[in-house]
Amino acid sequence: MLAVAGSPLAILGFMKKKPLHILMTDPHLQGGGQVTYVNRLSRALTQLGHRVVVGCKTGSVLVRHAQGNACPVADQFTFKGGLRPCVWWRDIGHMQRYIRQERPDIIHVNGSQDHWISGLGNRLLGYPTCILRTRHNTYTVKNSFPNRVLNRSWTDYQIVVCDIVRRGLAQQPVFDAERMESIHNGVDPEAYAPDPQARERIRHDFGYDDTHVVCGIAARLVPAKGHEFFFRAAAQLTKQHPNMRVLVLGQGDLESALRQMVVELGIQDKVRFGGFRNDIAQCTQAFDIGVLPSVDCDTSSFSLKEEMAAEKPVVASDYGGLTEIVDNELEGLIVPAGTVEPLAQALHRLIEAPELRVRMGKAGRARVLRDFSIDVFARRTEAAYYRALELHQMRRGAGV
């Protein structure tokens, strides 16, 4: 089809020639996978020449991240859930002023609260701005009239961070399957490139020597990540593999219970809790095997891809989008979620076979470079923005 002046395709061609102004919003105060997503994507898109403004709560960790990424911040929002009409209307007013004064090309929302505020504020102004939502988890979306209005009428496009969740959402009447695509999160492969010197230094700091095989997990200490199954599997292997060690990176509500569990299992001398670390790329170098036995929520794990980028073989559960990241027997081993014995067998197999660990590690880094780098992630998202903008123009022209 030829593009004529004033047609949606002609407008799209014009938009591709100019940088975009993106308001990227998120309702979180503290860190996590979703905050990491906004932080890394805003930095990468800025480097591609776009103007990204981060919209968040006052006091959010995203303020500091945005400043480090040379991104402006709009931190006047509260983005609170629950029945809070006065707070909502203040946020809607802030959003409408931003839209009128700054005229963003796209508002890219990442949570429920910022989605409703942006969608309603934009609609009350006559729908001038393209709205795009990223869905980060496996939570179900209630089939209600308000949700259908928000997702089908007020939202132009949806990104889902793994294909299995996209396929599920596409079957729901809340969504339009034709205005939805899968884009996995990306990681910086150079930040996690194998570094023998860093590995030696960080292993020394953690008290490991060359004889130890370190099985590491980098995840929030919450039930969804499956730490208990990991610890029970490790307990089965301690006699057979006295050189095995478990390194736990992260913090969360389960820390006290997990520490107690380690004592009850009798493996307290094998397990080290490293807590929250700002040098996670360095800490990952200490691993010999990466482990992520998730049982809930996980879709497009950053930590799994980071371990693969560091040439670490991985053992992951078959939950959510993890099997889209790891090919069983190629970059690592996949085990049934919520099980202990298969996880123990997979760890035993990799502990016993250092040459297999090397082969899987190299395959994992190659997979990240091909499919999950930050550059691939940013450019796929950029392309989604242009598709969303074209749809927005067509939908406005049709009076949606």
Protein backbone atom coordinates (compact mmCIF):
# COMPACT_ATOMS: atom_id res chain seq x y z
CA MET A 1 0.00 0.00 0.00
CA LEU A 2 1.31 3.44 -0.91
CA ALA A 3 1.37 6.12 1.78
CA VAL A 4 -0.31 9.38 0.83
CA ALA A 5 0.06 12.71 2.59
CA GLY A 6 -2.01 12.81 5.76
CA SER A 7 -2.61 9.07 5.86
CA PRO A 8 -1.65 7.03 8.98
CA LEU A 9 1.23 5.44 7.09
CA ALA A 10 2.57 8.82 6.04
CA ILE A 11 2.32 10.04 9.63
CA LEU A 12 4.14 6.91 10.76
CA GLY A 13 6.94 7.54 8.27
CA PHE A 14 7.32 11.07 9.65
CA MET A 15 7.38 9.83 13.23
CA LYS A 16 10.13 7.36 12.45
CA LYS A 17 12.37 10.23 11.37
CA LYS A 18 12.07 12.14 14.61
CA PRO A 19 12.86 11.18 18.21
CA LEU A 20 9.90 10.35 20.38
CA HIS A 21 8.85 12.01 23.60
CA ILE A 22 7.93 9.19 26.01
CA LEU A 23 6.45 9.54 29.48
CA MET A 24 7.31 6.21 31.14
CA THR A 25 5.41 5.67 34.38
CA ASP A 26 5.62 3.18 37.24
CA PRO A 27 3.87 3.13 40.66
CA HIS A 28 6.60 1.47 42.75
CA LEU A 29 8.62 3.11 45.51
CA GLN A 30 11.28 0.41 45.90
CA GLY A 31 13.23 -1.84 43.59
CA GLY A 32 12.24 -5.06 41.83
CA GLY A 33 11.99 -6.45 38.33
CA GLN A 34 9.49 -3.84 37.16
CA VAL A 35 11.64 -0.95 38.40
CA THR A 36 14.66 -2.56 36.74
CA TYR A 37 12.66 -2.71 33.50
CA VAL A 38 11.84 1.01 33.60
CA ASN A 39 15.38 1.95 34.59
CA ARG A 40 17.10 -0.04 31.85
CA LEU A 41 14.60 0.74 29.12
CA SER A 42 14.58 4.47 29.80
CA ARG A 43 18.39 4.56 29.67
CA ALA A 44 18.55 2.53 26.45
CA LEU A 45 15.87 4.59 24.71
CA THR A 46 17.61 7.80 25.73
CA GLN A 47 20.79 6.47 24.17
CA LEU A 48 18.82 5.80 20.97
CA GLY A 49 17.95 9.50 20.85
CA HIS A 50 14.47 9.59 22.37
CA ARG A 51 13.37 11.91 25.17
CA VAL A 52 12.23 9.77 28.09
CA VAL A 53 10.63 11.34 31.16
CA VAL A 54 10.08 9.03 34.14
CA GLY A 55 6.73 9.51 35.88
CA CYS A 56 6.68 8.14 39.42
CA LYS A 57 5.86 8.72 43.07
CA THR A 58 7.68 11.31 45.13
CA GLY A 59 10.54 9.47 46.86
CA SER A 60 10.58 6.55 44.42
CA VAL A 61 13.91 4.86 43.78
CA LEU A 62 13.23 5.65 40.12
CA VAL A 63 14.08 9.31 40.78
CA ARG A 64 17.69 8.39 41.50
CA HIS A 65 17.83 5.95 38.59
CA ALA A 66 16.43 8.56 36.19
CA GLN A 67 18.97 11.15 37.28
CA GLY A 68 21.74 8.63 36.64
CA ASN A 69 20.31 7.99 33.19
CA ALA A 70 20.07 11.71 32.34
CA CYS A 71 16.27 11.38 32.17
CA PRO A 72 13.95 14.16 33.43
CA VAL A 73 11.56 13.16 36.23
CA ALA A 74 7.90 13.91 36.85
CA ASP A 75 7.58 12.70 40.44
CA GLN A 76 4.44 14.58 41.50
CA PHE A 77 2.23 11.48 41.31
CA THR A 78 0.96 9.33 44.17
CA PHE A 79 -0.31 6.35 42.10
CA LYS A 80 -2.15 4.82 45.06
CA GLY A 81 -4.49 1.86 44.75
CA GLY A 82 -7.77 1.33 46.54
CA LEU A 83 -10.76 3.68 46.74
CA ARG A 84 -9.10 7.11 46.98
CA PRO A 85 -11.15 9.55 44.85
CA CYS A 86 -9.42 12.73 46.06
CA VAL A 87 -5.96 11.29 45.47
CA TRP A 88 -7.01 9.96 42.06
CA TRP A 89 -8.32 13.33 40.92
CA ARG A 90 -5.12 15.08 41.98
CA ASP A 91 -3.11 12.55 39.98
CA ILE A 92 -5.46 12.87 37.02
CA GLY A 93 -4.98 16.64 37.17
CA HIS A 94 -1.20 16.22 37.20
CA MET A 95 -1.43 13.87 34.21
CA GLN A 96 -3.67 16.21 32.23
CA ARG A 97 -1.37 19.17 32.85
CA TYR A 98 1.59 17.09 31.69
CA ILE A 99 -0.22 16.01 28.52
CA ARG A 100 -1.38 19.55 27.69
CA GLN A 101 1.93 21.26 28.42
CA GLU A 102 4.49 18.65 27.32
CA ARG A 103 2.54 16.87 24.56
CA PRO A 104 4.22 13.45 24.81
CA ASP A 105 4.03 11.11 21.83
CA ILE A 106 3.51 8.08 24.07
CA ILE A 107 2.62 7.39 27.69
CA HIS A 108 4.14 4.02 28.53
CA VAL A 109 2.52 2.70 31.72
CA ASN A 110 3.76 -0.26 33.75
CA GLY A 111 1.29 -0.83 36.58
CA SER A 112 -2.39 -0.74 37.40
CA GLN A 113 -2.49 2.59 39.25
CA ASP A 114 -0.56 4.58 36.64
CA HIS A 115 -2.54 2.87 33.86
CA TRP A 116 -5.90 4.05 35.25
CA ILE A 117 -4.64 7.57 35.95
CA SER A 118 -3.08 7.94 32.50
CA GLY A 119 -5.97 6.32 30.66
CA LEU A 120 -8.69 8.38 32.31
CA GLY A 121 -6.75 11.65 32.22
CA ASN A 122 -5.99 11.16 28.55
CA ARG A 123 -9.58 10.21 27.70
CA LEU A 124 -10.98 13.28 29.44
CA LEU A 125 -8.78 15.43 27.20
CA GLY A 126 -10.17 13.77 24.08
CA TYR A 127 -7.60 10.96 23.74
CA PRO A 128 -4.72 13.08 22.34
CA THR A 129 -1.85 10.79 23.39
CA CYS A 130 -0.98 7.20 22.56
CA ILE A 131 -1.19 4.88 25.60
CA LEU A 132 0.90 1.70 25.78
CA ARG A 133 0.99 -0.75 28.70
CA THR A 134 3.61 -3.35 29.60
CA ARG A 135 2.31 -6.37 31.51
CA HIS A 136 5.04 -7.82 33.71
CA ASN A 137 3.48 -10.74 35.58
CA THR A 138 1.18 -13.72 35.40
CA TYR A 139 -1.65 -12.21 37.45
CA THR A 140 -5.12 -12.66 35.98
CA VAL A 141 -7.14 -9.65 34.83
CA LYS A 142 -10.79 -9.64 35.88
CA ASN A 143 -13.26 -9.65 33.01
CA SER A 144 -15.18 -6.53 34.04
CA PHE A 145 -16.66 -3.63 32.12
CA PRO A 146 -14.16 -1.08 33.54
CA ASN A 147 -11.22 -3.33 32.59
CA ARG A 148 -12.59 -3.78 29.07
CA VAL A 149 -12.92 -0.01 28.69
CA LEU A 150 -9.40 0.62 30.01
CA ASN A 151 -7.66 -2.03 27.92
CA ARG A 152 -9.69 -2.04 24.72
CA SER A 153 -10.83 1.58 24.39
CA TRP A 154 -8.34 3.73 26.30
CA THR A 155 -5.17 1.74 25.52
CA ASP A 156 -3.67 1.54 22.05
CA TYR A 157 -1.15 -1.25 22.51
CA GLN A 158 0.11 -3.78 25.05
CA ILE A 159 3.54 -5.33 25.50
CA VAL A 160 3.70 -8.60 27.45
CA VAL A 161 7.11 -9.69 28.70
CA CYS A 162 6.73 -13.34 27.72
CA ASP A 163 4.77 -15.24 25.13
CA ILE A 164 3.00 -17.71 27.40
CA VAL A 165 1.32 -14.86 29.29
CA ARG A 166 0.51 -13.02 26.05
CA ARG A 167 -1.25 -16.10 24.70
CA GLY A 168 -3.29 -16.37 27.87
CA LEU A 169 -4.27 -12.71 27.90
CA ALA A 170 -5.14 -12.82 24.20
CA GLN A 171 -7.92 -15.30 24.98
CA GLN A 172 -9.60 -12.91 27.41
CA PRO A 173 -12.34 -10.51 26.26
CA VAL A 174 -10.64 -7.76 28.27
CA PHE A 175 -7.95 -7.51 25.56
CA ASP A 176 -7.64 -7.11 21.82
CA ALA A 177 -5.20 -9.83 20.72
CA GLU A 178 -4.35 -7.86 17.56
CA ARG A 179 -2.95 -4.99 19.63
CA MET A 180 -0.58 -7.01 21.78
CA GLU A 181 2.91 -8.50 21.39
CA SER A 182 5.62 -10.26 23.42
CA ILE A 183 8.95 -8.58 24.12
CA HIS A 184 11.27 -10.15 26.67
CA ASN A 185 13.25 -7.93 29.04
CA GLY A 186 16.88 -7.28 28.14
CA VAL A 187 20.17 -7.28 30.03
CA ASP A 188 23.58 -5.74 29.40
CA PRO A 189 25.78 -8.65 28.26
CA GLU A 190 28.98 -6.63 28.64
CA ALA A 191 28.30 -5.81 32.30
CA TYR A 192 28.01 -9.57 32.96
CA ALA A 193 30.77 -10.79 30.64
CA PRO A 194 32.98 -13.49 32.20
CA ASP A 195 35.66 -11.81 34.33
CA PRO A 196 38.21 -14.22 35.91
CA GLN A 197 39.74 -11.52 38.11
CA ALA A 198 36.39 -10.39 39.47
CA ARG A 199 35.42 -14.02 40.01
CA GLU A 200 38.54 -14.71 42.06
CA ARG A 201 38.09 -11.55 44.12
CA ILE A 202 34.41 -11.97 44.90
CA ARG A 203 34.73 -15.69 45.69
CA HIS A 204 37.50 -14.85 48.13
CA ASP A 205 35.25 -12.23 49.75
CA PHE A 206 32.48 -14.80 50.17
CA GLY A 207 34.92 -17.40 51.55
CA TYR A 208 34.99 -19.77 48.56
CA ASP A 209 38.04 -21.44 47.07
CA ASP A 210 38.61 -23.23 43.76
CA THR A 211 37.30 -26.53 45.11
CA HIS A 212 33.84 -25.16 45.88
CA VAL A 213 30.95 -25.46 43.43
CA VAL A 214 28.74 -22.46 44.12
CA CYS A 215 25.03 -22.75 43.31
CA GLY A 216 23.62 -19.25 43.42
CA ILE A 217 20.21 -17.62 43.41
CA ALA A 218 19.65 -13.89 42.91
CA ALA A 219 16.02 -13.13 43.73
CA ARG A 220 13.76 -11.48 46.26
CA LEU A 221 13.26 -13.61 49.36
CA VAL A 222 9.56 -14.23 48.76
CA PRO A 223 7.53 -17.45 48.30
CA ALA A 224 7.23 -16.97 44.52
CA LYS A 225 10.95 -17.59 43.95
CA GLY A 226 10.97 -21.11 45.41
CA HIS A 227 13.94 -20.83 47.78
CA GLU A 228 12.53 -23.58 50.00
CA PHE A 229 12.70 -26.13 47.18
CA PHE A 230 16.28 -25.09 46.43
CA PHE A 231 17.32 -25.50 50.07
CA ARG A 232 15.64 -28.90 50.39
CA ALA A 233 17.36 -30.07 47.20
CA ALA A 234 20.71 -28.78 48.48
CA ALA A 235 20.20 -30.66 51.75
CA GLN A 236 19.91 -33.91 49.78
CA LEU A 237 23.26 -33.30 48.11
CA THR A 238 25.53 -32.25 50.96
CA LYS A 239 26.87 -35.71 51.77
CA GLN A 240 27.46 -36.63 48.13
CA HIS A 241 28.91 -33.20 47.32
CA PRO A 242 30.56 -31.75 50.42
CA ASN A 243 32.17 -29.08 48.21
CA MET A 244 28.76 -27.64 47.17
CA ARG A 245 27.92 -24.17 48.46
CA VAL A 246 24.72 -22.10 48.19
CA LEU A 247 24.92 -18.32 47.74
CA VAL A 248 21.66 -16.41 48.26
CA LEU A 249 21.54 -12.83 46.97
CA GLY A 250 18.57 -10.60 47.70
CA GLN A 251 16.32 -9.54 50.53
CA GLY A 252 12.65 -9.90 51.37
CA ASP A 253 9.97 -10.86 53.84
CA LEU A 254 11.00 -14.52 54.02
CA GLU A 255 14.58 -13.93 55.15
CA SER A 256 14.03 -14.86 58.80
CA ALA A 257 12.02 -17.98 57.92
CA LEU A 258 14.55 -19.09 55.31
CA ARG A 259 17.45 -18.66 57.73
CA GLN A 260 15.57 -20.80 60.23
CA MET A 261 14.86 -23.39 57.55
CA VAL A 262 18.56 -23.66 56.70
CA VAL A 263 19.32 -24.40 60.36
CA GLU A 264 16.57 -27.01 60.56
CA LEU A 265 17.91 -28.71 57.42
CA GLY A 266 21.40 -28.76 58.90
CA ILE A 267 23.03 -26.91 56.00
CA GLN A 268 23.82 -23.60 57.71
CA ASP A 269 27.53 -24.14 57.06
CA LYS A 270 26.82 -24.53 53.32
CA VAL A 271 24.50 -21.55 52.77
CA ARG A 272 25.49 -17.90 52.78
CA PHE A 273 22.94 -15.08 52.69
CA GLY A 274 24.56 -12.22 50.81
CA GLY A 275 21.67 -9.76 51.20
CA PHE A 276 20.97 -6.90 48.82
CA ARG A 277 23.98 -6.03 46.65
CA ASN A 278 24.66 -3.06 44.42
CA ASP A 279 27.46 -5.06 42.75
CA ILE A 280 25.25 -7.90 41.54
CA ALA A 281 27.18 -8.20 38.26
CA GLN A 282 30.35 -8.89 40.24
CA CYS A 283 28.58 -11.27 42.62
CA THR A 284 27.20 -13.30 39.71
CA GLN A 285 30.79 -14.08 38.71
CA ALA A 286 31.07 -16.14 41.92
CA PHE A 287 28.43 -18.62 40.72
CA ASP A 288 29.19 -21.94 39.09
CA ILE A 289 25.49 -22.71 38.59
CA GLY A 290 22.55 -20.29 38.58
CA VAL A 291 19.30 -21.47 40.14
CA LEU A 292 15.75 -20.11 39.84
CA PRO A 293 13.03 -22.57 41.00
CA SER A 294 10.13 -20.10 40.77
CA VAL A 295 6.60 -21.21 41.57
CA ASP A 296 4.69 -17.98 40.88
CA CYS A 297 4.77 -14.61 39.11
CA ASP A 298 7.99 -15.01 37.07
CA THR A 299 7.73 -14.11 33.40
CA SER A 300 10.96 -12.68 31.98
CA SER A 301 13.59 -13.06 34.69
CA PHE A 302 16.43 -10.54 34.63
CA SER A 303 18.61 -12.61 36.98
CA LEU A 304 18.37 -15.74 34.83
CA LYS A 305 19.50 -13.85 31.73
CA GLU A 306 22.27 -12.13 33.68
CA GLU A 307 23.63 -15.48 34.84
CA MET A 308 23.49 -16.76 31.27
CA ALA A 309 25.32 -13.63 30.08
CA ALA A 310 28.04 -14.47 32.61
CA GLU A 311 28.35 -17.93 31.01
CA LYS A 312 26.78 -19.72 33.95
CA PRO A 313 24.66 -22.81 33.31
CA VAL A 314 21.25 -22.47 34.91
CA VAL A 315 18.64 -24.66 36.53
CA ALA A 316 15.15 -23.16 36.32
CA SER A 317 11.61 -24.30 36.93
CA ASP A 318 9.07 -24.63 34.13
CA TYR A 319 6.95 -21.83 35.54
CA GLY A 320 5.72 -18.88 33.45
CA GLY A 321 8.10 -17.54 30.84
CA LEU A 322 11.27 -19.20 32.16
CA THR A 323 11.16 -21.94 29.51
CA GLU A 324 11.24 -19.20 26.84
CA ILE A 325 14.60 -18.06 28.23
CA VAL A 326 16.25 -21.45 28.76
CA ASP A 327 16.20 -24.33 26.31
CA ASN A 328 16.37 -27.55 28.31
CA GLU A 329 19.69 -29.36 27.79
CA LEU A 330 21.13 -26.44 25.82
CA GLU A 331 21.67 -23.42 28.10
CA GLY A 332 20.64 -25.26 31.25
CA LEU A 333 18.17 -27.68 32.77
CA ILE A 334 14.43 -27.24 33.31
CA VAL A 335 12.68 -28.92 36.26
CA PRO A 336 9.00 -29.05 37.29
CA ALA A 337 8.01 -26.10 39.46
CA GLY A 338 7.43 -26.84 43.13
CA THR A 339 9.48 -30.06 43.23
CA VAL A 340 12.60 -31.06 45.15
CA GLU A 341 13.87 -34.36 43.74
CA PRO A 342 14.15 -33.25 40.09
CA LEU A 343 15.92 -30.08 41.21
CA ALA A 344 18.37 -32.11 43.28
CA GLN A 345 19.03 -34.41 40.32
CA ALA A 346 19.67 -31.46 37.99
CA LEU A 347 22.11 -29.86 40.45
CA HIS A 348 23.87 -33.19 40.96
CA ARG A 349 24.28 -33.63 37.23
CA LEU A 350 25.87 -30.20 36.76
CA ILE A 351 28.08 -30.47 39.85
CA GLU A 352 29.40 -33.78 38.51
CA ALA A 353 30.14 -32.46 35.00
CA PRO A 354 32.29 -29.32 34.78
CA GLU A 355 32.61 -29.72 31.00
CA LEU A 356 28.81 -29.67 30.69
CA ARG A 357 28.73 -26.50 32.77
CA VAL A 358 31.18 -24.85 30.39
CA ARG A 359 29.25 -25.90 27.29
CA MET A 360 25.90 -24.76 28.66
CA GLY A 361 27.41 -21.52 29.92
CA LYS A 362 28.76 -20.59 26.51
CA ALA A 363 25.44 -21.47 24.87
CA GLY A 364 23.65 -19.29 27.41
CA ARG A 365 25.77 -16.22 26.66
CA ALA A 366 25.26 -16.73 22.92
CA ARG A 367 21.49 -16.87 23.52
CA VAL A 368 21.53 -13.61 25.47
CA LEU A 369 23.56 -11.85 22.78
CA ARG A 370 21.11 -13.00 20.14
CA ASP A 371 17.75 -12.59 21.89
CA PHE A 372 17.99 -10.83 25.24
CA SER A 373 20.51 -8.01 25.04
CA ILE A 374 19.50 -4.53 26.15
CA ASP A 375 19.93 -3.33 22.58
CA VAL A 376 17.55 -5.97 21.18
CA PHE A 377 15.09 -5.17 23.96
CA ALA A 378 15.19 -1.41 23.33
CA ARG A 379 14.89 -1.67 19.55
CA ARG A 380 11.99 -4.09 19.73
CA THR A 381 10.25 -1.73 22.14
CA GLU A 382 11.00 1.22 19.88
CA ALA A 383 9.38 -0.63 16.98
CA ALA A 384 6.36 -1.37 19.18
CA TYR A 385 6.03 2.36 19.90
CA TYR A 386 5.78 3.11 16.18
CA ARG A 387 3.16 0.40 15.73
CA ALA A 388 1.24 1.82 18.69
CA LEU A 389 1.42 5.35 17.24
CA GLU A 390 0.07 4.17 13.90
CA LEU A 391 -2.80 2.40 15.65
CA HIS A 392 -3.47 5.49 17.75
CA GLN A 393 -3.81 7.65 14.66
CA MET A 394 -6.08 5.13 12.96
CA ARG A 395 -8.25 4.69 16.07
CA ARG A 396 -8.63 8.45 16.53
CA GLY A 397 -9.56 8.80 12.87
CA ALA A 398 -12.19 6.08 13.32
CA GLY A 399 -13.59 7.84 16.39
CA VAL A 400 -12.65 5.13 18.89
